[in-house]
Amino acid sequence: MTKVNQEELQAAIEKLKGKAAAAVQKAGDKKADPEAREARKKVKRAQRKLRAAKSYKGASKKAAEKPAEGQASA
């Protein structure tokens, strides 16, 4: 898995959303059109990747704080 910046992911999601909207409009507002569905899947996949990156970053911060708290109370 390649390392990605959260800001880069956010920018990519915005681009994908634009492409998805264009695909839906091109399909005559038929959301079930294969191209439109595929475009929306790409958006969701990118959003899932961003959410995972945020939770991974948050978990590492919590893990770093936890040992410090344990030593203070001991």
PDB file of N, CA and C in Angstrom:
ATOM      1  N   MET A   1       0.852  -1.185   0.000  1.00  0.00           N
ATOM      2  CA  MET A   1       0.000   0.000   0.000  1.00  0.00           C
ATOM      3  C   MET A   1       0.890   1.239   0.000  1.00  0.00           C
ATOM      4  N   THR A   2       0.555   2.177  -0.843  1.00  0.00           N
ATOM      5  CA  THR A   2       1.362   3.386  -0.916  1.00  0.00           C
ATOM      6  C   THR A   2       0.915   4.372   0.144  1.00  0.00           C
ATOM      7  N   LYS A   3       1.873   5.147   0.606  1.00  0.00           N
ATOM      8  CA  LYS A   3       1.578   6.142   1.625  1.00  0.00           C
ATOM      9  C   LYS A   3       1.001   7.378   0.936  1.00  0.00           C
ATOM     10  N   VAL A   4      -0.122   7.862   1.421  1.00  0.00           N
ATOM     11  CA  VAL A   4      -0.761   9.024   0.820  1.00  0.00           C
ATOM     12  C   VAL A   4      -1.034  10.080   1.869  1.00  0.00           C
ATOM     13  N   ASN A   5      -0.985  11.294   1.433  1.00  0.00           N
ATOM     14  CA  ASN A   5      -1.255  12.438   2.276  1.00  0.00           C
ATOM     15  C   ASN A   5      -2.775  12.622   2.355  1.00  0.00           C
ATOM     16  N   GLN A   6      -3.291  12.969   3.517  1.00  0.00           N
ATOM     17  CA  GLN A   6      -4.741  13.134   3.659  1.00  0.00           C
ATOM     18  C   GLN A   6      -5.268  14.265   2.787  1.00  0.00           C
ATOM     19  N   GLU A   7      -4.470  15.336   2.649  1.00  0.00           N
ATOM     20  CA  GLU A   7      -4.905  16.454   1.809  1.00  0.00           C
ATOM     21  C   GLU A   7      -4.987  16.019   0.347  1.00  0.00           C
ATOM     22  N   GLU A   8      -4.018  15.191  -0.083  1.00  0.00           N
ATOM     23  CA  GLU A   8      -4.037  14.685  -1.456  1.00  0.00           C
ATOM     24  C   GLU A   8      -5.270  13.814  -1.677  1.00  0.00           C
ATOM     25  N   LEU A   9      -5.586  12.997  -0.691  1.00  0.00           N
ATOM     26  CA  LEU A   9      -6.766  12.142  -0.800  1.00  0.00           C
ATOM     27  C   LEU A   9      -8.035  12.975  -0.892  1.00  0.00           C
ATOM     28  N   GLN A  10      -8.103  14.033  -0.087  1.00  0.00           N
ATOM     29  CA  GLN A  10      -9.279  14.899  -0.095  1.00  0.00           C
ATOM     30  C   GLN A  10      -9.443  15.544  -1.470  1.00  0.00           C
ATOM     31  N   ALA A  11      -8.331  15.993  -2.057  1.00  0.00           N
ATOM     32  CA  ALA A  11      -8.376  16.600  -3.389  1.00  0.00           C
ATOM     33  C   ALA A  11      -8.807  15.569  -4.429  1.00  0.00           C
ATOM     34  N   ALA A  12      -8.308  14.351  -4.309  1.00  0.00           N
ATOM     35  CA  ALA A  12      -8.681  13.290  -5.242  1.00  0.00           C
ATOM     36  C   ALA A  12     -10.165  12.971  -5.134  1.00  0.00           C
ATOM     37  N   ILE A  13     -10.687  12.981  -3.914  1.00  0.00           N
ATOM     38  CA  ILE A  13     -12.112  12.708  -3.706  1.00  0.00           C
ATOM     39  C   ILE A  13     -12.959  13.778  -4.389  1.00  0.00           C
ATOM     40  N   GLU A  14     -12.545  15.037  -4.261  1.00  0.00           N
ATOM     41  CA  GLU A  14     -13.296  16.121  -4.901  1.00  0.00           C
ATOM     42  C   GLU A  14     -13.310  15.951  -6.417  1.00  0.00           C
ATOM     43  N   LYS A  15     -12.161  15.578  -6.996  1.00  0.00           N
ATOM     44  CA  LYS A  15     -12.095  15.347  -8.445  1.00  0.00           C
ATOM     45  C   LYS A  15     -13.015  14.198  -8.845  1.00  0.00           C
ATOM     46  N   LEU A  16     -12.971  13.113  -8.064  1.00  0.00           N
ATOM     47  CA  LEU A  16     -13.800  11.953  -8.369  1.00  0.00           C
ATOM     48  C   LEU A  16     -15.285  12.280  -8.260  1.00  0.00           C
ATOM     49  N   LYS A  17     -15.639  13.123  -7.278  1.00  0.00           N
ATOM     50  CA  LYS A  17     -17.044  13.528  -7.135  1.00  0.00           C
ATOM     51  C   LYS A  17     -17.505  14.289  -8.370  1.00  0.00           C
ATOM     52  N   GLY A  18     -16.630  15.158  -8.884  1.00  0.00           N
ATOM     53  CA  GLY A  18     -16.955  15.906 -10.102  1.00  0.00           C
ATOM     54  C   GLY A  18     -17.152  14.975 -11.284  1.00  0.00           C
ATOM     55  N   LYS A  19     -16.266  13.994 -11.419  1.00  0.00           N
ATOM     56  CA  LYS A  19     -16.379  13.028 -12.514  1.00  0.00           C
ATOM     57  C   LYS A  19     -17.647  12.192 -12.369  1.00  0.00           C
ATOM     58  N   ALA A  20     -17.983  11.828 -11.127  1.00  0.00           N
ATOM     59  CA  ALA A  20     -19.182  11.030 -10.885  1.00  0.00           C
ATOM     60  C   ALA A  20     -20.434  11.823 -11.249  1.00  0.00           C
ATOM     61  N   ALA A  21     -20.448  13.102 -10.872  1.00  0.00           N
ATOM     62  CA  ALA A  21     -21.596  13.947 -11.205  1.00  0.00           C
ATOM     63  C   ALA A  21     -21.730  14.085 -12.717  1.00  0.00           C
ATOM     64  N   ALA A  22     -20.596  14.222 -13.400  1.00  0.00           N
ATOM     65  CA  ALA A  22     -20.625  14.329 -14.861  1.00  0.00           C
ATOM     66  C   ALA A  22     -21.127  13.029 -15.484  1.00  0.00           C
ATOM     67  N   ALA A  23     -20.729  11.896 -14.931  1.00  0.00           N
ATOM     68  CA  ALA A  23     -21.165  10.603 -15.454  1.00  0.00           C
ATOM     69  C   ALA A  23     -22.666  10.426 -15.277  1.00  0.00           C
ATOM     70  N   VAL A  24     -23.184  10.861 -14.135  1.00  0.00           N
ATOM     71  CA  VAL A  24     -24.626  10.760 -13.881  1.00  0.00           C
ATOM     72  C   VAL A  24     -25.386  11.653 -14.850  1.00  0.00           C
ATOM     73  N   GLN A  25     -24.874  12.860 -15.053  1.00  0.00           N
ATOM     74  CA  GLN A  25     -25.542  13.789 -15.959  1.00  0.00           C
ATOM     75  C   GLN A  25     -25.486  13.269 -17.396  1.00  0.00           C
ATOM     76  N   LYS A  26     -24.352  12.688 -17.778  1.00  0.00           N
ATOM     77  CA  LYS A  26     -24.182  12.141 -19.124  1.00  0.00           C
ATOM     78  C   LYS A  26     -25.157  10.986 -19.353  1.00  0.00           C
ATOM     79  N   ALA A  27     -25.445  10.238 -18.301  1.00  0.00           N
ATOM     80  CA  ALA A  27     -26.345   9.092 -18.399  1.00  0.00           C
ATOM     81  C   ALA A  27     -27.803   9.522 -18.365  1.00  0.00           C
ATOM     82  N   GLY A  28     -28.044  10.814 -18.377  1.00  0.00           N
ATOM     83  CA  GLY A  28     -29.419  11.296 -18.351  1.00  0.00           C
ATOM     84  C   GLY A  28     -30.034  11.164 -16.982  1.00  0.00           C
ATOM     85  N   ASP A  29     -29.249  11.430 -15.955  1.00  0.00           N
ATOM     86  CA  ASP A  29     -29.677  11.356 -14.557  1.00  0.00           C
ATOM     87  C   ASP A  29     -30.142   9.964 -14.141  1.00  0.00           C
ATOM     88  N   LYS A  30     -29.683   8.941 -14.863  1.00  0.00           N
ATOM     89  CA  LYS A  30     -29.969   7.560 -14.459  1.00  0.00           C
ATOM     90  C   LYS A  30     -28.838   7.119 -13.545  1.00  0.00           C
ATOM     91  N   LYS A  31     -29.100   7.063 -12.255  1.00  0.00           N
ATOM     92  CA  LYS A  31     -28.054   6.717 -11.296  1.00  0.00           C
ATOM     93  C   LYS A  31     -27.644   5.251 -11.399  1.00  0.00           C
ATOM     94  N   ALA A  32     -28.482   4.411 -12.003  1.00  0.00           N
ATOM     95  CA  ALA A  32     -28.172   2.992 -12.117  1.00  0.00           C
ATOM     96  C   ALA A  32     -27.324   2.688 -13.352  1.00  0.00           C
ATOM     97  N   ASP A  33     -27.008   3.703 -14.145  1.00  0.00           N
ATOM     98  CA  ASP A  33     -26.173   3.514 -15.327  1.00  0.00           C
ATOM     99  C   ASP A  33     -24.810   2.954 -14.903  1.00  0.00           C
ATOM    100  N   PRO A  34     -24.278   1.974 -15.628  1.00  0.00           N
ATOM    101  CA  PRO A  34     -23.001   1.354 -15.226  1.00  0.00           C
ATOM    102  C   PRO A  34     -21.853   2.344 -15.031  1.00  0.00           C
ATOM    103  N   GLU A  35     -21.726   3.323 -15.922  1.00  0.00           N
ATOM    104  CA  GLU A  35     -20.650   4.315 -15.778  1.00  0.00           C
ATOM    105  C   GLU A  35     -20.832   5.140 -14.513  1.00  0.00           C
ATOM    106  N   ALA A  36     -22.059   5.554 -14.250  1.00  0.00           N
ATOM    107  CA  ALA A  36     -22.343   6.366 -13.066  1.00  0.00           C
ATOM    108  C   ALA A  36     -22.095   5.553 -11.796  1.00  0.00           C
ATOM    109  N   ARG A  37     -22.506   4.283 -11.822  1.00  0.00           N
ATOM    110  CA  ARG A  37     -22.289   3.420 -10.652  1.00  0.00           C
ATOM    111  C   ARG A  37     -20.809   3.234 -10.379  1.00  0.00           C
ATOM    112  N   GLU A  38     -20.047   3.010 -11.439  1.00  0.00           N
ATOM    113  CA  GLU A  38     -18.605   2.810 -11.293  1.00  0.00           C
ATOM    114  C   GLU A  38     -17.943   4.068 -10.746  1.00  0.00           C
ATOM    115  N   ALA A  39     -18.377   5.230 -11.206  1.00  0.00           N
ATOM    116  CA  ALA A  39     -17.809   6.494 -10.728  1.00  0.00           C
ATOM    117  C   ALA A  39     -18.110   6.693  -9.249  1.00  0.00           C
ATOM    118  N   ARG A  40     -19.344   6.375  -8.837  1.00  0.00           N
ATOM    119  CA  ARG A  40     -19.698   6.515  -7.421  1.00  0.00           C
ATOM    120  C   ARG A  40     -18.916   5.531  -6.556  1.00  0.00           C
ATOM    121  N   LYS A  41     -18.654   4.331  -7.100  1.00  0.00           N
ATOM    122  CA  LYS A  41     -17.860   3.343  -6.363  1.00  0.00           C
ATOM    123  C   LYS A  41     -16.459   3.873  -6.104  1.00  0.00           C
ATOM    124  N   LYS A  42     -15.884   4.540  -7.103  1.00  0.00           N
ATOM    125  CA  LYS A  42     -14.541   5.093  -6.944  1.00  0.00           C
ATOM    126  C   LYS A  42     -14.519   6.147  -5.847  1.00  0.00           C
ATOM    127  N   VAL A  43     -15.563   6.968  -5.791  1.00  0.00           N
ATOM    128  CA  VAL A  43     -15.651   7.996  -4.753  1.00  0.00           C
ATOM    129  C   VAL A  43     -15.720   7.329  -3.384  1.00  0.00           C
ATOM    130  N   LYS A  44     -16.585   6.340  -3.251  1.00  0.00           N
ATOM    131  CA  LYS A  44     -16.740   5.661  -1.958  1.00  0.00           C
ATOM    132  C   LYS A  44     -15.449   4.971  -1.540  1.00  0.00           C
ATOM    133  N   ARG A  45     -14.746   4.367  -2.506  1.00  0.00           N
ATOM    134  CA  ARG A  45     -13.487   3.688  -2.204  1.00  0.00           C
ATOM    135  C   ARG A  45     -12.461   4.682  -1.670  1.00  0.00           C
ATOM    136  N   ALA A  46     -12.384   5.855  -2.297  1.00  0.00           N
ATOM    137  CA  ALA A  46     -11.432   6.880  -1.854  1.00  0.00           C
ATOM    138  C   ALA A  46     -11.810   7.413  -0.474  1.00  0.00           C
ATOM    139  N   GLN A  47     -13.112   7.591  -0.237  1.00  0.00           N
ATOM    140  CA  GLN A  47     -13.557   8.071   1.070  1.00  0.00           C
ATOM    141  C   GLN A  47     -13.242   7.050   2.159  1.00  0.00           C
ATOM    142  N   ARG A  48     -13.393   5.774   1.834  1.00  0.00           N
ATOM    143  CA  ARG A  48     -13.088   4.712   2.793  1.00  0.00           C
ATOM    144  C   ARG A  48     -11.596   4.715   3.122  1.00  0.00           C
ATOM    145  N   LYS A  49     -10.785   4.940   2.095  1.00  0.00           N
ATOM    146  CA  LYS A  49      -9.336   4.987   2.291  1.00  0.00           C
ATOM    147  C   LYS A  49      -8.955   6.163   3.193  1.00  0.00           C
ATOM    148  N   LEU A  50      -9.599   7.309   2.984  1.00  0.00           N
ATOM    149  CA  LEU A  50      -9.329   8.483   3.807  1.00  0.00           C
ATOM    150  C   LEU A  50      -9.749   8.236   5.250  1.00  0.00           C
ATOM    151  N   ARG A  51     -10.921   7.637   5.434  1.00  0.00           N
ATOM    152  CA  ARG A  51     -11.413   7.354   6.784  1.00  0.00           C
ATOM    153  C   ARG A  51     -10.462   6.390   7.500  1.00  0.00           C
ATOM    154  N   ALA A  52      -9.970   5.394   6.782  1.00  0.00           N
ATOM    155  CA  ALA A  52      -9.031   4.438   7.372  1.00  0.00           C
ATOM    156  C   ALA A  52      -7.734   5.135   7.759  1.00  0.00           C
ATOM    157  N   ALA A  53      -7.276   6.044   6.921  1.00  0.00           N
ATOM    158  CA  ALA A  53      -6.033   6.769   7.211  1.00  0.00           C
ATOM    159  C   ALA A  53      -6.198   7.631   8.454  1.00  0.00           C
ATOM    160  N   LYS A  54      -7.356   8.267   8.587  1.00  0.00           N
ATOM    161  CA  LYS A  54      -7.605   9.113   9.758  1.00  0.00           C
ATOM    162  C   LYS A  54      -7.665   8.279  11.030  1.00  0.00           C
ATOM    163  N   SER A  55      -8.340   7.136  10.974  1.00  0.00           N
ATOM    164  CA  SER A  55      -8.458   6.306  12.175  1.00  0.00           C
ATOM    165  C   SER A  55      -7.107   5.704  12.537  1.00  0.00           C
ATOM    166  N   TYR A  56      -6.299   5.366  11.542  1.00  0.00           N
ATOM    167  CA  TYR A  56      -4.961   4.817  11.797  1.00  0.00           C
ATOM    168  C   TYR A  56      -4.093   5.865  12.469  1.00  0.00           C
ATOM    169  N   LYS A  57      -4.190   7.098  11.983  1.00  0.00           N
ATOM    170  CA  LYS A  57      -3.407   8.190  12.561  1.00  0.00           C
ATOM    171  C   LYS A  57      -3.871   8.459  13.997  1.00  0.00           C
ATOM    172  N   GLY A  58      -5.180   8.445  14.216  1.00  0.00           N
ATOM    173  CA  GLY A  58      -5.729   8.681  15.551  1.00  0.00           C
ATOM    174  C   GLY A  58      -5.347   7.580  16.521  1.00  0.00           C
ATOM    175  N   ALA A  59      -5.332   6.342  16.050  1.00  0.00           N
ATOM    176  CA  ALA A  59      -4.980   5.213  16.910  1.00  0.00           C
ATOM    177  C   ALA A  59      -3.519   5.301  17.335  1.00  0.00           C
ATOM    178  N   SER A  60      -2.659   5.737  16.433  1.00  0.00           N
ATOM    179  CA  SER A  60      -1.238   5.835  16.791  1.00  0.00           C
ATOM    180  C   SER A  60      -1.011   6.951  17.806  1.00  0.00           C
ATOM    181  N   LYS A  61      -1.786   8.026  17.702  1.00  0.00           N
ATOM    182  CA  LYS A  61      -1.672   9.112  18.687  1.00  0.00           C
ATOM    183  C   LYS A  61      -2.119   8.625  20.066  1.00  0.00           C
ATOM    184  N   LYS A  62      -3.229   7.895  20.109  1.00  0.00           N
ATOM    185  CA  LYS A  62      -3.746   7.385  21.381  1.00  0.00           C
ATOM    186  C   LYS A  62      -2.766   6.400  22.004  1.00  0.00           C
ATOM    187  N   ALA A  63      -2.149   5.575  21.180  1.00  0.00           N
ATOM    188  CA  ALA A  63      -1.182   4.597  21.682  1.00  0.00           C
ATOM    189  C   ALA A  63       0.041   5.302  22.253  1.00  0.00           C
ATOM    190  N   ALA A  64       0.426   6.413  21.663  1.00  0.00           N
ATOM    191  CA  ALA A  64       1.582   7.163  22.150  1.00  0.00           C
ATOM    192  C   ALA A  64       1.263   7.846  23.483  1.00  0.00           C
ATOM    193  N   GLU A  65       0.021   8.277  23.661  1.00  0.00           N
ATOM    194  CA  GLU A  65      -0.379   8.959  24.893  1.00  0.00           C
ATOM    195  C   GLU A  65      -0.583   7.972  26.046  1.00  0.00           C
ATOM    196  N   LYS A  66      -1.025   6.773  25.748  1.00  0.00           N
ATOM    197  CA  LYS A  66      -1.368   5.805  26.782  1.00  0.00           C
ATOM    198  C   LYS A  66      -0.189   5.420  27.682  1.00  0.00           C
ATOM    199  N   PRO A  67       0.987   5.066  27.151  1.00  0.00           N
ATOM    200  CA  PRO A  67       2.101   4.707  28.043  1.00  0.00           C
ATOM    201  C   PRO A  67       2.512   5.861  28.956  1.00  0.00           C
ATOM    202  N   ALA A  68       2.416   7.079  28.469  1.00  0.00           N
ATOM    203  CA  ALA A  68       2.775   8.236  29.285  1.00  0.00           C
ATOM    204  C   ALA A  68       1.826   8.350  30.482  1.00  0.00           C
ATOM    205  N   GLU A  69       0.549   8.096  30.271  1.00  0.00           N
ATOM    206  CA  GLU A  69      -0.424   8.149  31.357  1.00  0.00           C
ATOM    207  C   GLU A  69      -0.179   7.023  32.355  1.00  0.00           C
ATOM    208  N   GLY A  70       0.184   5.842  31.867  1.00  0.00           N
ATOM    209  CA  GLY A  70       0.435   4.697  32.736  1.00  0.00           C
ATOM    210  C   GLY A  70       1.629   4.925  33.638  1.00  0.00           C
ATOM    211  N   GLN A  71       2.663   5.566  33.163  1.00  0.00           N
ATOM    212  CA  GLN A  71       3.854   5.833  33.956  1.00  0.00           C
ATOM    213  C   GLN A  71       3.587   6.912  34.995  1.00  0.00           C
ATOM    214  N   ALA A  72       2.744   7.861  34.675  1.00  0.00           N
ATOM    215  CA  ALA A  72       2.449   8.954  35.599  1.00  0.00           C
ATOM    216  C   ALA A  72       1.704   8.432  36.831  1.00  0.00           C
ATOM    217  N   SER A  73       0.829   7.451  36.658  1.00  0.00           N
ATOM    218  CA  SER A  73       0.050   6.944  37.782  1.00  0.00           C
ATOM    219  C   SER A  73       0.818   5.898  38.592  1.00  0.00           C
ATOM    220  N   ALA A  74       1.873   5.352  38.048  1.00  0.00           N
ATOM    221  CA  ALA A  74       2.619   4.287  38.743  1.00  0.00           C
ATOM    222  C   ALA A  74       3.547   4.787  39.787  1.00  0.00           C
TER     223      ALA A  74
END
